[in-house]
N, C-alpha and C. Protein backbone atom coordinates (compact mmCIF):
# COMPACT_ATOMS: atom_id res chain seq x y z
N UNK A 1 -14.91 -17.03 -28.92
CA UNK A 1 -14.52 -17.26 -30.30
C UNK A 1 -13.00 -17.36 -30.43
N UNK A 2 -12.28 -16.36 -29.84
CA UNK A 2 -10.82 -16.35 -29.98
C UNK A 2 -10.21 -15.51 -28.87
N UNK A 3 -9.22 -16.06 -28.17
CA UNK A 3 -8.49 -15.33 -27.13
C UNK A 3 -7.05 -15.12 -27.59
N UNK A 4 -6.55 -13.89 -27.39
CA UNK A 4 -5.18 -13.56 -27.77
C UNK A 4 -4.49 -12.92 -26.57
N UNK A 5 -3.37 -13.48 -26.14
CA UNK A 5 -2.59 -12.85 -25.08
C UNK A 5 -1.96 -11.58 -25.65
N UNK A 6 -2.02 -10.50 -24.85
CA UNK A 6 -1.47 -9.22 -25.29
C UNK A 6 -0.45 -8.72 -24.28
N UNK A 7 0.41 -7.81 -24.74
CA UNK A 7 1.30 -7.12 -23.82
C UNK A 7 0.40 -6.38 -22.83
N UNK A 8 0.71 -6.41 -21.55
CA UNK A 8 -0.15 -5.77 -20.56
C UNK A 8 -0.42 -4.30 -20.90
N UNK A 9 -1.68 -3.92 -20.73
CA UNK A 9 -2.10 -2.55 -20.99
C UNK A 9 -3.04 -2.12 -19.85
N UNK A 10 -2.84 -0.90 -19.37
CA UNK A 10 -3.66 -0.42 -18.27
C UNK A 10 -5.07 -0.10 -18.77
N UNK A 11 -6.03 -0.70 -18.09
CA UNK A 11 -7.45 -0.40 -18.29
C UNK A 11 -7.96 -0.10 -16.90
N UNK A 12 -8.00 1.17 -16.56
CA UNK A 12 -8.28 1.59 -15.19
C UNK A 12 -9.48 0.86 -14.62
N UNK A 13 -9.36 0.27 -13.46
CA UNK A 13 -8.27 0.35 -12.48
C UNK A 13 -7.39 -0.89 -12.50
N UNK A 14 -7.32 -1.60 -13.59
CA UNK A 14 -6.62 -2.89 -13.64
C UNK A 14 -5.70 -2.93 -14.85
N UNK A 15 -5.18 -4.12 -15.15
CA UNK A 15 -4.32 -4.32 -16.31
C UNK A 15 -4.87 -5.46 -17.15
N UNK A 16 -5.09 -5.18 -18.43
CA UNK A 16 -5.59 -6.20 -19.35
C UNK A 16 -4.42 -6.99 -19.91
N UNK A 17 -4.63 -8.31 -20.04
CA UNK A 17 -3.60 -9.19 -20.60
C UNK A 17 -4.16 -10.08 -21.71
N UNK A 18 -5.47 -9.97 -21.97
CA UNK A 18 -6.10 -10.81 -22.99
C UNK A 18 -7.10 -10.01 -23.81
N UNK A 19 -7.03 -10.18 -25.11
CA UNK A 19 -8.04 -9.67 -26.03
C UNK A 19 -8.91 -10.85 -26.43
N UNK A 20 -10.21 -10.71 -26.25
CA UNK A 20 -11.15 -11.76 -26.66
C UNK A 20 -11.99 -11.22 -27.81
N UNK A 21 -11.95 -11.95 -28.93
CA UNK A 21 -12.88 -11.67 -30.03
C UNK A 21 -14.11 -12.51 -29.70
N UNK A 22 -15.20 -11.87 -29.34
CA UNK A 22 -16.35 -12.61 -28.84
C UNK A 22 -17.41 -12.89 -29.90
N UNK A 23 -17.28 -12.26 -31.06
CA UNK A 23 -18.24 -12.55 -32.12
C UNK A 23 -18.11 -11.59 -33.28
N UNK A 24 -18.68 -11.99 -34.38
CA UNK A 24 -18.71 -11.15 -35.58
C UNK A 24 -20.09 -11.27 -36.20
N UNK A 25 -20.72 -10.15 -36.39
CA UNK A 25 -22.05 -10.10 -36.99
C UNK A 25 -21.91 -9.59 -38.43
N UNK A 26 -22.10 -10.48 -39.37
CA UNK A 26 -21.96 -10.11 -40.78
C UNK A 26 -23.18 -9.29 -41.19
N UNK A 27 -22.90 -8.09 -41.71
CA UNK A 27 -23.97 -7.18 -42.12
C UNK A 27 -24.35 -7.37 -43.58
N UNK A 28 -23.33 -7.67 -44.40
CA UNK A 28 -23.56 -7.83 -45.83
C UNK A 28 -22.54 -8.84 -46.34
N UNK A 29 -22.99 -9.81 -47.10
CA UNK A 29 -22.12 -10.86 -47.64
C UNK A 29 -21.49 -10.45 -48.95
N UNK A 30 -20.40 -11.15 -49.32
CA UNK A 30 -19.79 -11.00 -50.64
C UNK A 30 -18.98 -9.73 -50.79
N UNK A 31 -18.66 -9.41 -52.05
CA UNK A 31 -17.90 -8.20 -52.36
C UNK A 31 -18.63 -7.00 -51.78
N UNK A 32 -17.88 -6.10 -51.18
CA UNK A 32 -18.50 -4.95 -50.54
C UNK A 32 -19.15 -5.31 -49.23
N UNK A 33 -18.83 -6.51 -48.71
CA UNK A 33 -19.41 -6.97 -47.46
C UNK A 33 -18.90 -6.19 -46.27
N UNK A 34 -19.56 -6.39 -45.14
CA UNK A 34 -19.15 -5.72 -43.92
C UNK A 34 -19.57 -6.57 -42.71
N UNK A 35 -18.94 -6.28 -41.59
CA UNK A 35 -19.25 -6.99 -40.36
C UNK A 35 -18.93 -6.11 -39.16
N UNK A 36 -19.58 -6.41 -38.05
CA UNK A 36 -19.28 -5.77 -36.79
C UNK A 36 -18.62 -6.83 -35.91
N UNK A 37 -17.45 -6.53 -35.39
CA UNK A 37 -16.68 -7.47 -34.58
C UNK A 37 -16.72 -7.01 -33.12
N UNK A 38 -17.24 -7.86 -32.24
CA UNK A 38 -17.30 -7.55 -30.81
C UNK A 38 -16.03 -8.06 -30.13
N UNK A 39 -15.48 -7.25 -29.23
CA UNK A 39 -14.25 -7.61 -28.53
C UNK A 39 -14.35 -7.25 -27.05
N UNK A 40 -13.48 -7.87 -26.27
CA UNK A 40 -13.37 -7.58 -24.84
C UNK A 40 -11.90 -7.59 -24.45
N UNK A 41 -11.54 -6.75 -23.51
CA UNK A 41 -10.23 -6.81 -22.87
C UNK A 41 -10.45 -7.34 -21.47
N UNK A 42 -9.60 -8.29 -21.07
CA UNK A 42 -9.75 -8.88 -19.73
C UNK A 42 -8.39 -9.09 -19.11
N UNK A 43 -8.41 -9.40 -17.81
CA UNK A 43 -7.17 -9.74 -17.11
C UNK A 43 -7.07 -11.25 -16.95
N UNK A 44 -7.80 -11.96 -17.76
CA UNK A 44 -7.83 -13.42 -17.69
C UNK A 44 -9.10 -13.91 -17.04
N UNK A 45 -9.49 -13.25 -15.94
CA UNK A 45 -10.69 -13.65 -15.21
C UNK A 45 -11.84 -12.67 -15.37
N UNK A 46 -11.53 -11.38 -15.40
CA UNK A 46 -12.55 -10.35 -15.39
C UNK A 46 -12.51 -9.50 -16.65
N UNK A 47 -13.70 -9.24 -17.21
CA UNK A 47 -13.81 -8.33 -18.34
C UNK A 47 -13.58 -6.91 -17.84
N UNK A 48 -12.69 -6.18 -18.50
CA UNK A 48 -12.37 -4.82 -18.08
C UNK A 48 -12.94 -3.77 -19.03
N UNK A 49 -13.06 -4.12 -20.29
CA UNK A 49 -13.56 -3.18 -21.29
C UNK A 49 -14.08 -3.97 -22.47
N UNK A 50 -15.06 -3.45 -23.17
CA UNK A 50 -15.58 -4.12 -24.36
C UNK A 50 -15.97 -3.08 -25.40
N UNK A 51 -16.13 -3.55 -26.62
CA UNK A 51 -16.52 -2.65 -27.69
C UNK A 51 -16.77 -3.42 -28.97
N UNK A 52 -16.95 -2.68 -30.04
CA UNK A 52 -17.20 -3.29 -31.34
C UNK A 52 -16.50 -2.46 -32.41
N UNK A 53 -16.02 -3.15 -33.43
CA UNK A 53 -15.36 -2.50 -34.57
C UNK A 53 -16.11 -2.86 -35.84
N UNK A 54 -16.20 -1.93 -36.75
CA UNK A 54 -16.84 -2.16 -38.04
C UNK A 54 -15.75 -2.43 -39.07
N UNK A 55 -15.87 -3.53 -39.80
CA UNK A 55 -14.92 -3.80 -40.89
C UNK A 55 -15.70 -3.90 -42.19
N UNK A 56 -15.09 -3.43 -43.25
CA UNK A 56 -15.74 -3.45 -44.56
C UNK A 56 -14.68 -3.43 -45.66
N UNK A 57 -15.14 -3.56 -46.88
CA UNK A 57 -14.25 -3.45 -48.02
C UNK A 57 -13.14 -4.49 -48.00
N UNK A 58 -11.92 -4.01 -48.22
CA UNK A 58 -10.76 -4.89 -48.33
C UNK A 58 -10.53 -5.69 -47.04
N UNK A 59 -10.72 -5.03 -45.88
CA UNK A 59 -10.54 -5.74 -44.60
C UNK A 59 -11.51 -6.92 -44.51
N UNK A 60 -12.74 -6.70 -44.89
CA UNK A 60 -13.74 -7.78 -44.85
C UNK A 60 -13.38 -8.88 -45.84
N UNK A 61 -13.00 -8.50 -47.06
CA UNK A 61 -12.68 -9.48 -48.10
C UNK A 61 -11.49 -10.35 -47.72
N UNK A 62 -10.46 -9.76 -47.11
CA UNK A 62 -9.27 -10.51 -46.71
C UNK A 62 -9.60 -11.48 -45.58
N UNK A 63 -10.50 -11.09 -44.68
CA UNK A 63 -10.85 -11.92 -43.53
C UNK A 63 -11.28 -13.30 -43.96
N UNK A 64 -12.24 -13.44 -44.84
CA UNK A 64 -12.72 -14.76 -45.26
C UNK A 64 -13.04 -15.60 -44.05
N UNK A 65 -12.37 -16.74 -43.90
CA UNK A 65 -12.59 -17.62 -42.75
C UNK A 65 -11.36 -17.66 -41.85
N UNK A 66 -10.42 -16.74 -42.05
CA UNK A 66 -9.17 -16.72 -41.30
C UNK A 66 -9.31 -15.86 -40.05
N UNK A 67 -9.70 -16.48 -38.94
CA UNK A 67 -9.90 -15.73 -37.71
C UNK A 67 -8.61 -15.15 -37.15
N UNK A 68 -7.46 -15.71 -37.50
CA UNK A 68 -6.20 -15.12 -37.04
C UNK A 68 -6.00 -13.74 -37.68
N UNK A 69 -6.45 -13.58 -38.93
CA UNK A 69 -6.40 -12.26 -39.58
C UNK A 69 -7.29 -11.29 -38.82
N UNK A 70 -8.47 -11.75 -38.44
CA UNK A 70 -9.41 -10.91 -37.70
C UNK A 70 -8.79 -10.44 -36.38
N UNK A 71 -8.14 -11.35 -35.66
CA UNK A 71 -7.48 -10.99 -34.41
C UNK A 71 -6.37 -9.97 -34.65
N UNK A 72 -5.56 -10.17 -35.68
CA UNK A 72 -4.48 -9.24 -36.01
C UNK A 72 -5.04 -7.87 -36.35
N UNK A 73 -6.15 -7.83 -37.08
CA UNK A 73 -6.78 -6.58 -37.47
C UNK A 73 -7.30 -5.84 -36.24
N UNK A 74 -7.98 -6.53 -35.34
CA UNK A 74 -8.51 -5.90 -34.14
C UNK A 74 -7.37 -5.40 -33.25
N UNK A 75 -6.31 -6.20 -33.09
CA UNK A 75 -5.14 -5.74 -32.34
C UNK A 75 -4.62 -4.42 -32.89
N UNK A 76 -4.46 -4.36 -34.21
CA UNK A 76 -3.93 -3.15 -34.85
C UNK A 76 -4.87 -1.96 -34.66
N UNK A 77 -6.17 -2.17 -34.85
CA UNK A 77 -7.12 -1.06 -34.73
C UNK A 77 -7.21 -0.53 -33.30
N UNK A 78 -6.96 -1.40 -32.31
CA UNK A 78 -7.00 -0.97 -30.91
C UNK A 78 -5.63 -0.52 -30.40
N UNK A 79 -4.60 -0.64 -31.24
CA UNK A 79 -3.26 -0.23 -30.84
C UNK A 79 -2.63 -1.15 -29.81
N UNK A 80 -3.00 -2.44 -29.86
CA UNK A 80 -2.47 -3.43 -28.91
C UNK A 80 -1.37 -4.26 -29.55
N UNK A 81 -0.52 -4.84 -28.72
CA UNK A 81 0.59 -5.67 -29.18
C UNK A 81 0.42 -7.07 -28.63
N UNK A 82 0.53 -8.08 -29.50
CA UNK A 82 0.43 -9.45 -28.99
C UNK A 82 1.59 -9.76 -28.04
N UNK A 83 1.33 -10.61 -27.07
CA UNK A 83 2.36 -11.04 -26.12
C UNK A 83 3.24 -12.07 -26.79
N UNK A 84 4.54 -11.84 -26.74
CA UNK A 84 5.50 -12.78 -27.30
C UNK A 84 6.39 -13.24 -26.16
N UNK A 85 6.33 -14.51 -25.88
CA UNK A 85 7.13 -15.05 -24.79
C UNK A 85 8.59 -15.12 -25.21
N UNK A 86 9.45 -14.59 -24.36
CA UNK A 86 10.89 -14.64 -24.62
C UNK A 86 11.38 -16.07 -24.47
N UNK A 87 12.20 -16.54 -25.42
CA UNK A 87 12.73 -17.89 -25.27
C UNK A 87 13.66 -17.98 -24.05
N UNK A 88 13.62 -19.11 -23.41
CA UNK A 88 14.49 -19.34 -22.26
C UNK A 88 15.89 -19.69 -22.77
N UNK A 89 16.91 -18.96 -22.30
CA UNK A 89 18.27 -19.26 -22.77
C UNK A 89 18.68 -20.65 -22.29
N UNK A 90 19.49 -21.33 -23.08
CA UNK A 90 19.96 -22.66 -22.68
C UNK A 90 20.83 -22.57 -21.43
N UNK A 91 20.77 -23.61 -20.65
CA UNK A 91 21.61 -23.66 -19.45
C UNK A 91 23.05 -23.90 -19.84
N UNK A 92 23.98 -23.26 -19.11
CA UNK A 92 25.42 -23.46 -19.44
C UNK A 92 25.89 -24.84 -19.07
């Protein structure tokens, strides 16, 4: 569904570099709606850890169809930081 590069984080015995949002199961539609979001941490090739998060209320309402919001929310709930590539300095 969605892959996000993350700052490397140790997931014994390896290092995860990607958060994958693999699906969202909507439990209840509309106001007061809720969903379960499945995620995985991987090193690009291998899944290292997986889990699910429950979102409801305001978090669910803000999500709408904006999957980038969903990725940001999952990153925050898992305490992960997106990978930001440093710009290459211009050559002298």
